[in-house]
Amino acid sequence: MPDSKKMLKRTHVIYTGTVQGVGFRFTVAGLARRLGVAGWVSNLDNGDVALEAEAPADILDHFLDDIKSHFSTHIAGEQVTWVEPTGADAGFAIHF
């Protein structure tokens, strides 16, 4: 049986609140690169931020917790959707 901590997970998250103009994308990208999380982050026209991220389960959970910790006073809500991992992403990008 494979190690569940090494199984890839992928999520799509929409963050609401004061998440634009506070360094959110750049901080998230730095955290992702440090932890080896693949995916992207992007500002949305309505003031929200979208994130798509993929990594082994334990790393992805740590990454999402780090985001909440860094921006606890800025995040008013989050809509998390779990999707099938693709394994296709390499690195982490900031979409402009």
PDB file of N, CA and C in Angstrom:
ATOM      1  N   MET A   1       0.847  -1.186   0.000  1.00  0.00           N
ATOM      2  CA  MET A   1       0.000   0.000   0.000  1.00  0.00           C
ATOM      3  C   MET A   1       0.887   1.243   0.000  1.00  0.00           C
ATOM      4  N   PRO A   2       0.613   2.227  -0.887  1.00  0.00           N
ATOM      5  CA  PRO A   2       1.460   3.417  -0.949  1.00  0.00           C
ATOM      6  C   PRO A   2       1.324   4.268   0.308  1.00  0.00           C
ATOM      7  N   ASP A   3       2.387   5.002   0.607  1.00  0.00           N
ATOM      8  CA  ASP A   3       2.394   5.913   1.743  1.00  0.00           C
ATOM      9  C   ASP A   3       1.443   7.067   1.444  1.00  0.00           C
ATOM     10  N   SER A   4       0.384   7.219   2.240  1.00  0.00           N
ATOM     11  CA  SER A   4      -0.630   8.239   1.981  1.00  0.00           C
ATOM     12  C   SER A   4      -0.062   9.653   2.045  1.00  0.00           C
ATOM     13  N   LYS A   5       1.009   9.850   2.805  1.00  0.00           N
ATOM     14  CA  LYS A   5       1.608  11.176   2.890  1.00  0.00           C
ATOM     15  C   LYS A   5       2.316  11.558   1.600  1.00  0.00           C
ATOM     16  N   LYS A   6       2.661  10.573   0.794  1.00  0.00           N
ATOM     17  CA  LYS A   6       3.360  10.865  -0.453  1.00  0.00           C
ATOM     18  C   LYS A   6       2.410  10.917  -1.645  1.00  0.00           C
ATOM     19  N   MET A   7       1.136  10.581  -1.421  1.00  0.00           N
ATOM     20  CA  MET A   7       0.167  10.653  -2.502  1.00  0.00           C
ATOM     21  C   MET A   7      -0.122  12.115  -2.820  1.00  0.00           C
ATOM     22  N   LEU A   8      -0.160  12.435  -4.101  1.00  0.00           N
ATOM     23  CA  LEU A   8      -0.417  13.814  -4.499  1.00  0.00           C
ATOM     24  C   LEU A   8      -1.862  14.203  -4.243  1.00  0.00           C
ATOM     25  N   LYS A   9      -2.035  15.460  -3.829  1.00  0.00           N
ATOM     26  CA  LYS A   9      -3.350  16.083  -3.704  1.00  0.00           C
ATOM     27  C   LYS A   9      -3.293  17.388  -4.481  1.00  0.00           C
ATOM     28  N   ARG A  10      -4.438  17.800  -4.992  1.00  0.00           N
ATOM     29  CA  ARG A  10      -4.520  19.061  -5.728  1.00  0.00           C
ATOM     30  C   ARG A  10      -5.769  19.797  -5.272  1.00  0.00           C
ATOM     31  N   THR A  11      -5.630  21.093  -5.078  1.00  0.00           N
ATOM     32  CA  THR A  11      -6.761  21.899  -4.644  1.00  0.00           C
ATOM     33  C   THR A  11      -6.843  23.197  -5.432  1.00  0.00           C
ATOM     34  N   HIS A  12      -8.060  23.674  -5.538  1.00  0.00           N
ATOM     35  CA  HIS A  12      -8.331  24.997  -6.106  1.00  0.00           C
ATOM     36  C   HIS A  12      -9.008  25.782  -4.984  1.00  0.00           C
ATOM     37  N   VAL A  13      -8.447  26.944  -4.644  1.00  0.00           N
ATOM     38  CA  VAL A  13      -8.965  27.738  -3.530  1.00  0.00           C
ATOM     39  C   VAL A  13      -9.219  29.161  -3.995  1.00  0.00           C
ATOM     40  N   ILE A  14     -10.361  29.701  -3.587  1.00  0.00           N
ATOM     41  CA  ILE A  14     -10.653  31.119  -3.781  1.00  0.00           C
ATOM     42  C   ILE A  14     -10.611  31.761  -2.395  1.00  0.00           C
ATOM     43  N   TYR A  15      -9.719  32.727  -2.224  1.00  0.00           N
ATOM     44  CA  TYR A  15      -9.613  33.465  -0.967  1.00  0.00           C
ATOM     45  C   TYR A  15     -10.340  34.794  -1.116  1.00  0.00           C
ATOM     46  N   THR A  16     -11.142  35.140  -0.106  1.00  0.00           N
ATOM     47  CA  THR A  16     -11.847  36.415  -0.081  1.00  0.00           C
ATOM     48  C   THR A  16     -11.348  37.232   1.103  1.00  0.00           C
ATOM     49  N   GLY A  17     -11.634  38.508   1.042  1.00  0.00           N
ATOM     50  CA  GLY A  17     -11.206  39.422   2.104  1.00  0.00           C
ATOM     51  C   GLY A  17     -10.296  40.489   1.517  1.00  0.00           C
ATOM     52  N   THR A  18      -9.386  40.981   2.325  1.00  0.00           N
ATOM     53  CA  THR A  18      -8.405  41.957   1.861  1.00  0.00           C
ATOM     54  C   THR A  18      -7.163  41.175   1.442  1.00  0.00           C
ATOM     55  N   VAL A  19      -7.249  40.534   0.277  1.00  0.00           N
ATOM     56  CA  VAL A  19      -6.185  39.644  -0.167  1.00  0.00           C
ATOM     57  C   VAL A  19      -5.432  40.170  -1.392  1.00  0.00           C
ATOM     58  N   GLN A  20      -5.806  41.349  -1.837  1.00  0.00           N
ATOM     59  CA  GLN A  20      -5.045  41.997  -2.903  1.00  0.00           C
ATOM     60  C   GLN A  20      -4.393  43.251  -2.333  1.00  0.00           C
ATOM     61  N   GLY A  21      -3.186  43.532  -2.801  1.00  0.00           N
ATOM     62  CA  GLY A  21      -2.464  44.721  -2.340  1.00  0.00           C
ATOM     63  C   GLY A  21      -1.756  44.532  -1.008  1.00  0.00           C
ATOM     64  N   VAL A  22      -1.627  43.267  -0.564  1.00  0.00           N
ATOM     65  CA  VAL A  22      -0.965  42.991   0.723  1.00  0.00           C
ATOM     66  C   VAL A  22       0.203  42.019   0.558  1.00  0.00           C
ATOM     67  N   GLY A  23       0.640  41.795  -0.678  1.00  0.00           N
ATOM     68  CA  GLY A  23       1.742  40.870  -0.927  1.00  0.00           C
ATOM     69  C   GLY A  23       1.332  39.407  -0.905  1.00  0.00           C
ATOM     70  N   PHE A  24       0.046  39.151  -1.029  1.00  0.00           N
ATOM     71  CA  PHE A  24      -0.478  37.793  -0.930  1.00  0.00           C
ATOM     72  C   PHE A  24       0.146  36.859  -1.963  1.00  0.00           C
ATOM     73  N   ARG A  25       0.085  37.232  -3.239  1.00  0.00           N
ATOM     74  CA  ARG A  25       0.600  36.344  -4.296  1.00  0.00           C
ATOM     75  C   ARG A  25       2.085  36.073  -4.148  1.00  0.00           C
ATOM     76  N   PHE A  26       2.859  37.088  -3.833  1.00  0.00           N
ATOM     77  CA  PHE A  26       4.307  36.921  -3.739  1.00  0.00           C
ATOM     78  C   PHE A  26       4.689  36.079  -2.520  1.00  0.00           C
ATOM     79  N   THR A  27       3.982  36.279  -1.416  1.00  0.00           N
ATOM     80  CA  THR A  27       4.238  35.467  -0.227  1.00  0.00           C
ATOM     81  C   THR A  27       3.852  34.018  -0.476  1.00  0.00           C
ATOM     82  N   VAL A  28       2.688  33.799  -1.078  1.00  0.00           N
ATOM     83  CA  VAL A  28       2.228  32.442  -1.387  1.00  0.00           C
ATOM     84  C   VAL A  28       3.211  31.744  -2.323  1.00  0.00           C
ATOM     85  N   ALA A  29       3.689  32.456  -3.330  1.00  0.00           N
ATOM     86  CA  ALA A  29       4.651  31.864  -4.270  1.00  0.00           C
ATOM     87  C   ALA A  29       5.942  31.487  -3.550  1.00  0.00           C
ATOM     88  N   GLY A  30       6.405  32.331  -2.643  1.00  0.00           N
ATOM     89  CA  GLY A  30       7.613  32.023  -1.875  1.00  0.00           C
ATOM     90  C   GLY A  30       7.428  30.795  -1.001  1.00  0.00           C
ATOM     91  N   LEU A  31       6.279  30.706  -0.337  1.00  0.00           N
ATOM     92  CA  LEU A  31       5.987  29.530   0.484  1.00  0.00           C
ATOM     93  C   LEU A  31       5.941  28.272  -0.385  1.00  0.00           C
ATOM     94  N   ALA A  32       5.293  28.381  -1.535  1.00  0.00           N
ATOM     95  CA  ALA A  32       5.167  27.229  -2.435  1.00  0.00           C
ATOM     96  C   ALA A  32       6.533  26.755  -2.914  1.00  0.00           C
ATOM     97  N   ARG A  33       7.368  27.674  -3.302  1.00  0.00           N
ATOM     98  CA  ARG A  33       8.694  27.298  -3.804  1.00  0.00           C
ATOM     99  C   ARG A  33       9.547  26.686  -2.707  1.00  0.00           C
ATOM    100  N   ARG A  34       9.432  27.215  -1.490  1.00  0.00           N
ATOM    101  CA  ARG A  34      10.194  26.681  -0.362  1.00  0.00           C
ATOM    102  C   ARG A  34       9.769  25.250  -0.034  1.00  0.00           C
ATOM    103  N   LEU A  35       8.471  24.970  -0.170  1.00  0.00           N
ATOM    104  CA  LEU A  35       7.947  23.652   0.183  1.00  0.00           C
ATOM    105  C   LEU A  35       7.895  22.680  -0.998  1.00  0.00           C
ATOM    106  N   GLY A  36       8.153  23.177  -2.209  1.00  0.00           N
ATOM    107  CA  GLY A  36       8.093  22.312  -3.389  1.00  0.00           C
ATOM    108  C   GLY A  36       6.683  22.059  -3.888  1.00  0.00           C
ATOM    109  N   VAL A  37       5.789  23.033  -3.679  1.00  0.00           N
ATOM    110  CA  VAL A  37       4.406  22.932  -4.141  1.00  0.00           C
ATOM    111  C   VAL A  37       4.332  23.459  -5.571  1.00  0.00           C
ATOM    112  N   ALA A  38       3.644  22.741  -6.434  1.00  0.00           N
ATOM    113  CA  ALA A  38       3.454  23.156  -7.825  1.00  0.00           C
ATOM    114  C   ALA A  38       2.107  23.856  -7.968  1.00  0.00           C
ATOM    115  N   GLY A  39       2.010  24.748  -8.957  1.00  0.00           N
ATOM    116  CA  GLY A  39       0.730  25.380  -9.235  1.00  0.00           C
ATOM    117  C   GLY A  39       0.856  26.839  -9.579  1.00  0.00           C
ATOM    118  N   TRP A  40      -0.163  27.610  -9.202  1.00  0.00           N
ATOM    119  CA  TRP A  40      -0.203  29.030  -9.535  1.00  0.00           C
ATOM    120  C   TRP A  40      -1.114  29.789  -8.572  1.00  0.00           C
ATOM    121  N   VAL A  41      -0.965  31.124  -8.564  1.00  0.00           N
ATOM    122  CA  VAL A  41      -1.818  32.021  -7.798  1.00  0.00           C
ATOM    123  C   VAL A  41      -2.114  33.235  -8.679  1.00  0.00           C
ATOM    124  N   SER A  42      -3.340  33.774  -8.576  1.00  0.00           N
ATOM    125  CA  SER A  42      -3.737  34.871  -9.456  1.00  0.00           C
ATOM    126  C   SER A  42      -4.777  35.765  -8.785  1.00  0.00           C
ATOM    127  N   ASN A  43      -4.642  37.073  -8.983  1.00  0.00           N
ATOM    128  CA  ASN A  43      -5.686  38.001  -8.564  1.00  0.00           C
ATOM    129  C   ASN A  43      -6.891  37.841  -9.486  1.00  0.00           C
ATOM    130  N   LEU A  44      -8.079  37.988  -8.931  1.00  0.00           N
ATOM    131  CA  LEU A  44      -9.304  37.979  -9.719  1.00  0.00           C
ATOM    132  C   LEU A  44      -9.858  39.395  -9.800  1.00  0.00           C
ATOM    133  N   ASP A  45     -10.622  39.675 -10.828  1.00  0.00           N
ATOM    134  CA  ASP A  45     -11.157  41.016 -11.045  1.00  0.00           C
ATOM    135  C   ASP A  45     -12.044  41.507  -9.903  1.00  0.00           C
ATOM    136  N   ASN A  46     -12.662  40.595  -9.149  1.00  0.00           N
ATOM    137  CA  ASN A  46     -13.574  40.995  -8.077  1.00  0.00           C
ATOM    138  C   ASN A  46     -12.874  41.249  -6.747  1.00  0.00           C
ATOM    139  N   GLY A  47     -11.542  41.178  -6.711  1.00  0.00           N
ATOM    140  CA  GLY A  47     -10.784  41.436  -5.481  1.00  0.00           C
ATOM    141  C   GLY A  47     -10.370  40.187  -4.727  1.00  0.00           C
ATOM    142  N   ASP A  48     -10.845  39.030  -5.182  1.00  0.00           N
ATOM    143  CA  ASP A  48     -10.452  37.765  -4.578  1.00  0.00           C
ATOM    144  C   ASP A  48      -9.142  37.280  -5.184  1.00  0.00           C
ATOM    145  N   VAL A  49      -8.586  36.224  -4.623  1.00  0.00           N
ATOM    146  CA  VAL A  49      -7.381  35.593  -5.162  1.00  0.00           C
ATOM    147  C   VAL A  49      -7.667  34.113  -5.359  1.00  0.00           C
ATOM    148  N   ALA A  50      -7.277  33.590  -6.529  1.00  0.00           N
ATOM    149  CA  ALA A  50      -7.425  32.169  -6.836  1.00  0.00           C
ATOM    150  C   ALA A  50      -6.071  31.487  -6.705  1.00  0.00           C
ATOM    151  N   LEU A  51      -6.106  30.263  -6.191  1.00  0.00           N
ATOM    152  CA  LEU A  51      -4.905  29.457  -6.013  1.00  0.00           C
ATOM    153  C   LEU A  51      -5.184  28.053  -6.505  1.00  0.00           C
ATOM    154  N   GLU A  52      -4.265  27.486  -7.247  1.00  0.00           N
ATOM    155  CA  GLU A  52      -4.311  26.068  -7.583  1.00  0.00           C
ATOM    156  C   GLU A  52      -2.964  25.493  -7.184  1.00  0.00           C
ATOM    157  N   ALA A  53      -2.986  24.428  -6.393  1.00  0.00           N
ATOM    158  CA  ALA A  53      -1.746  23.893  -5.841  1.00  0.00           C
ATOM    159  C   ALA A  53      -1.789  22.378  -5.782  1.00  0.00           C
ATOM    160  N   GLU A  54      -0.611  21.770  -6.010  1.00  0.00           N
ATOM    161  CA  GLU A  54      -0.485  20.313  -5.985  1.00  0.00           C
ATOM    162  C   GLU A  54       0.821  19.922  -5.318  1.00  0.00           C
ATOM    163  N   ALA A  55       0.733  18.921  -4.438  1.00  0.00           N
ATOM    164  CA  ALA A  55       1.910  18.424  -3.711  1.00  0.00           C
ATOM    165  C   ALA A  55       1.498  17.155  -2.972  1.00  0.00           C
ATOM    166  N   PRO A  56       2.474  16.442  -2.410  1.00  0.00           N
ATOM    167  CA  PRO A  56       2.099  15.347  -1.512  1.00  0.00           C
ATOM    168  C   PRO A  56       1.192  15.888  -0.400  1.00  0.00           C
ATOM    169  N   ALA A  57       0.295  15.047   0.074  1.00  0.00           N
ATOM    170  CA  ALA A  57      -0.749  15.463   1.020  1.00  0.00           C
ATOM    171  C   ALA A  57      -0.213  16.224   2.223  1.00  0.00           C
ATOM    172  N   ASP A  58       0.829  15.720   2.860  1.00  0.00           N
ATOM    173  CA  ASP A  58       1.338  16.375   4.065  1.00  0.00           C
ATOM    174  C   ASP A  58       1.916  17.752   3.759  1.00  0.00           C
ATOM    175  N   ILE A  59       2.578  17.882   2.629  1.00  0.00           N
ATOM    176  CA  ILE A  59       3.168  19.171   2.239  1.00  0.00           C
ATOM    177  C   ILE A  59       2.073  20.164   1.863  1.00  0.00           C
ATOM    178  N   LEU A  60       1.069  19.713   1.112  1.00  0.00           N
ATOM    179  CA  LEU A  60      -0.015  20.601   0.704  1.00  0.00           C
ATOM    180  C   LEU A  60      -0.787  21.100   1.921  1.00  0.00           C
ATOM    181  N   ASP A  61      -1.055  20.227   2.866  1.00  0.00           N
ATOM    182  CA  ASP A  61      -1.745  20.646   4.089  1.00  0.00           C
ATOM    183  C   ASP A  61      -0.926  21.694   4.851  1.00  0.00           C
ATOM    184  N   HIS A  62       0.378  21.482   4.958  1.00  0.00           N
ATOM    185  CA  HIS A  62       1.275  22.442   5.623  1.00  0.00           C
ATOM    186  C   HIS A  62       1.253  23.788   4.884  1.00  0.00           C
ATOM    187  N   PHE A  63       1.305  23.749   3.576  1.00  0.00           N
ATOM    188  CA  PHE A  63       1.280  24.949   2.736  1.00  0.00           C
ATOM    189  C   PHE A  63       0.000  25.757   2.978  1.00  0.00           C
ATOM    190  N   LEU A  64      -1.141  25.097   2.942  1.00  0.00           N
ATOM    191  CA  LEU A  64      -2.411  25.792   3.145  1.00  0.00           C
ATOM    192  C   LEU A  64      -2.503  26.370   4.557  1.00  0.00           C
ATOM    193  N   ASP A  65      -1.988  25.651   5.538  1.00  0.00           N
ATOM    194  CA  ASP A  65      -1.950  26.175   6.905  1.00  0.00           C
ATOM    195  C   ASP A  65      -1.046  27.401   7.009  1.00  0.00           C
ATOM    196  N   ASP A  66       0.093  27.372   6.316  1.00  0.00           N
ATOM    197  CA  ASP A  66       1.008  28.523   6.319  1.00  0.00           C
ATOM    198  C   ASP A  66       0.340  29.760   5.725  1.00  0.00           C
ATOM    199  N   ILE A  67      -0.418  29.574   4.654  1.00  0.00           N
ATOM    200  CA  ILE A  67      -1.124  30.712   4.035  1.00  0.00           C
ATOM    201  C   ILE A  67      -2.089  31.321   5.045  1.00  0.00           C
ATOM    202  N   LYS A  68      -2.883  30.475   5.696  1.00  0.00           N
ATOM    203  CA  LYS A  68      -3.843  30.979   6.693  1.00  0.00           C
ATOM    204  C   LYS A  68      -3.124  31.695   7.832  1.00  0.00           C
ATOM    205  N   SER A  69      -2.000  31.161   8.251  1.00  0.00           N
ATOM    206  CA  SER A  69      -1.243  31.761   9.347  1.00  0.00           C
ATOM    207  C   SER A  69      -0.689  33.132   8.953  1.00  0.00           C
ATOM    208  N   HIS A  70      -0.099  33.224   7.763  1.00  0.00           N
ATOM    209  CA  HIS A  70       0.498  34.480   7.311  1.00  0.00           C
ATOM    210  C   HIS A  70      -0.552  35.569   7.078  1.00  0.00           C
ATOM    211  N   PHE A  71      -1.741  35.177   6.644  1.00  0.00           N
ATOM    212  CA  PHE A  71      -2.754  36.161   6.246  1.00  0.00           C
ATOM    213  C   PHE A  71      -4.040  36.050   7.057  1.00  0.00           C
ATOM    214  N   SER A  72      -3.933  35.623   8.308  1.00  0.00           N
ATOM    215  CA  SER A  72      -5.119  35.407   9.134  1.00  0.00           C
ATOM    216  C   SER A  72      -5.975  36.665   9.286  1.00  0.00           C
ATOM    217  N   THR A  73      -5.346  37.834   9.304  1.00  0.00           N
ATOM    218  CA  THR A  73      -6.116  39.067   9.456  1.00  0.00           C
ATOM    219  C   THR A  73      -6.656  39.587   8.125  1.00  0.00           C
ATOM    220  N   HIS A  74      -6.251  38.979   7.010  1.00  0.00           N
ATOM    221  CA  HIS A  74      -6.690  39.442   5.691  1.00  0.00           C
ATOM    222  C   HIS A  74      -7.709  38.510   5.043  1.00  0.00           C
ATOM    223  N   ILE A  75      -7.664  37.232   5.370  1.00  0.00           N
ATOM    224  CA  ILE A  75      -8.571  36.262   4.751  1.00  0.00           C
ATOM    225  C   ILE A  75      -9.899  36.272   5.497  1.00  0.00           C
ATOM    226  N   ALA A  76     -10.969  36.620   4.764  1.00  0.00           N
ATOM    227  CA  ALA A  76     -12.309  36.598   5.355  1.00  0.00           C
ATOM    228  C   ALA A  76     -12.985  35.250   5.102  1.00  0.00           C
ATOM    229  N   GLY A  77     -12.595  34.593   4.030  1.00  0.00           N
ATOM    230  CA  GLY A  77     -13.190  33.302   3.686  1.00  0.00           C
ATOM    231  C   GLY A  77     -12.369  32.592   2.649  1.00  0.00           C
ATOM    232  N   GLU A  78     -12.654  31.307   2.515  1.00  0.00           N
ATOM    233  CA  GLU A  78     -11.981  30.524   1.485  1.00  0.00           C
ATOM    234  C   GLU A  78     -12.936  29.455   0.985  1.00  0.00           C
ATOM    235  N   GLN A  79     -12.935  29.280  -0.311  1.00  0.00           N
ATOM    236  CA  GLN A  79     -13.741  28.239  -0.946  1.00  0.00           C
ATOM    237  C   GLN A  79     -12.762  27.210  -1.497  1.00  0.00           C
ATOM    238  N   VAL A  80     -12.722  26.036  -0.874  1.00  0.00           N
ATOM    239  CA  VAL A  80     -11.764  25.003  -1.230  1.00  0.00           C
ATOM    240  C   VAL A  80     -12.461  23.925  -2.046  1.00  0.00           C
ATOM    241  N   THR A  81     -11.883  23.614  -3.206  1.00  0.00           N
ATOM    242  CA  THR A  81     -12.374  22.540  -4.052  1.00  0.00           C
ATOM    243  C   THR A  81     -11.219  21.582  -4.301  1.00  0.00           C
ATOM    244  N   TRP A  82     -11.417  20.319  -3.941  1.00  0.00           N
ATOM    245  CA  TRP A  82     -10.377  19.311  -4.197  1.00  0.00           C
ATOM    246  C   TRP A  82     -10.598  18.747  -5.581  1.00  0.00           C
ATOM    247  N   VAL A  83      -9.529  18.705  -6.374  1.00  0.00           N
ATOM    248  CA  VAL A  83      -9.596  18.211  -7.753  1.00  0.00           C
ATOM    249  C   VAL A  83      -8.566  17.101  -7.928  1.00  0.00           C
ATOM    250  N   GLU A  84      -8.679  16.392  -9.018  1.00  0.00           N
ATOM    251  CA  GLU A  84      -7.737  15.304  -9.302  1.00  0.00           C
ATOM    252  C   GLU A  84      -6.342  15.869  -9.582  1.00  0.00           C
ATOM    253  N   PRO A  85      -5.319  15.302  -8.964  1.00  0.00           N
ATOM    254  CA  PRO A  85      -3.947  15.729  -9.268  1.00  0.00           C
ATOM    255  C   PRO A  85      -3.620  15.428 -10.725  1.00  0.00           C
ATOM    256  N   THR A  86      -2.829  16.295 -11.327  1.00  0.00           N
ATOM    257  CA  THR A  86      -2.446  16.091 -12.718  1.00  0.00           C
ATOM    258  C   THR A  86      -0.990  15.682 -12.869  1.00  0.00           C
ATOM    259  N   GLY A  87      -0.155  16.108 -11.917  1.00  0.00           N
ATOM    260  CA  GLY A  87       1.270  15.837 -12.029  1.00  0.00           C
ATOM    261  C   GLY A  87       1.934  16.623 -13.143  1.00  0.00           C
ATOM    262  N   ALA A  88       1.173  17.521 -13.768  1.00  0.00           N
ATOM    263  CA  ALA A  88       1.676  18.238 -14.938  1.00  0.00           C
ATOM    264  C   ALA A  88       2.412  19.527 -14.594  1.00  0.00           C
ATOM    265  N   ASP A  89       2.115  20.115 -13.452  1.00  0.00           N
ATOM    266  CA  ASP A  89       2.736  21.392 -13.104  1.00  0.00           C
ATOM    267  C   ASP A  89       4.189  21.207 -12.701  1.00  0.00           C
ATOM    268  N   ALA A  90       4.993  22.145 -13.108  1.00  0.00           N
ATOM    269  CA  ALA A  90       6.391  22.182 -12.672  1.00  0.00           C
ATOM    270  C   ALA A  90       6.620  23.574 -12.115  1.00  0.00           C
ATOM    271  N   GLY A  91       6.973  23.668 -10.865  1.00  0.00           N
ATOM    272  CA  GLY A  91       7.210  24.978 -10.258  1.00  0.00           C
ATOM    273  C   GLY A  91       5.909  25.656  -9.865  1.00  0.00           C
ATOM    274  N   PHE A  92       6.034  26.904  -9.476  1.00  0.00           N
ATOM    275  CA  PHE A  92       4.882  27.676  -9.018  1.00  0.00           C
ATOM    276  C   PHE A  92       4.922  29.034  -9.680  1.00  0.00           C
ATOM    277  N   ALA A  93       3.800  29.478 -10.247  1.00  0.00           N
ATOM    278  CA  ALA A  93       3.753  30.717 -11.018  1.00  0.00           C
ATOM    279  C   ALA A  93       2.794  31.733 -10.400  1.00  0.00           C
ATOM    280  N   ILE A  94       3.122  32.989 -10.586  1.00  0.00           N
ATOM    281  CA  ILE A  94       2.203  34.081 -10.268  1.00  0.00           C
ATOM    282  C   ILE A  94       1.613  34.530 -11.586  1.00  0.00           C
ATOM    283  N   HIS A  95       0.308  34.433 -11.707  1.00  0.00           N
ATOM    284  CA  HIS A  95      -0.366  34.901 -12.917  1.00  0.00           C
ATOM    285  C   HIS A  95      -0.761  36.363 -12.730  1.00  0.00           C
ATOM    286  N   PHE A  96      -0.483  37.166 -13.744  1.00  0.00           N
ATOM    287  CA  PHE A  96      -0.800  38.587 -13.690  1.00  0.00           C
ATOM    288  C   PHE A  96      -1.947  38.887 -14.616  1.00  0.00           C
TER     289      PHE A  96
END
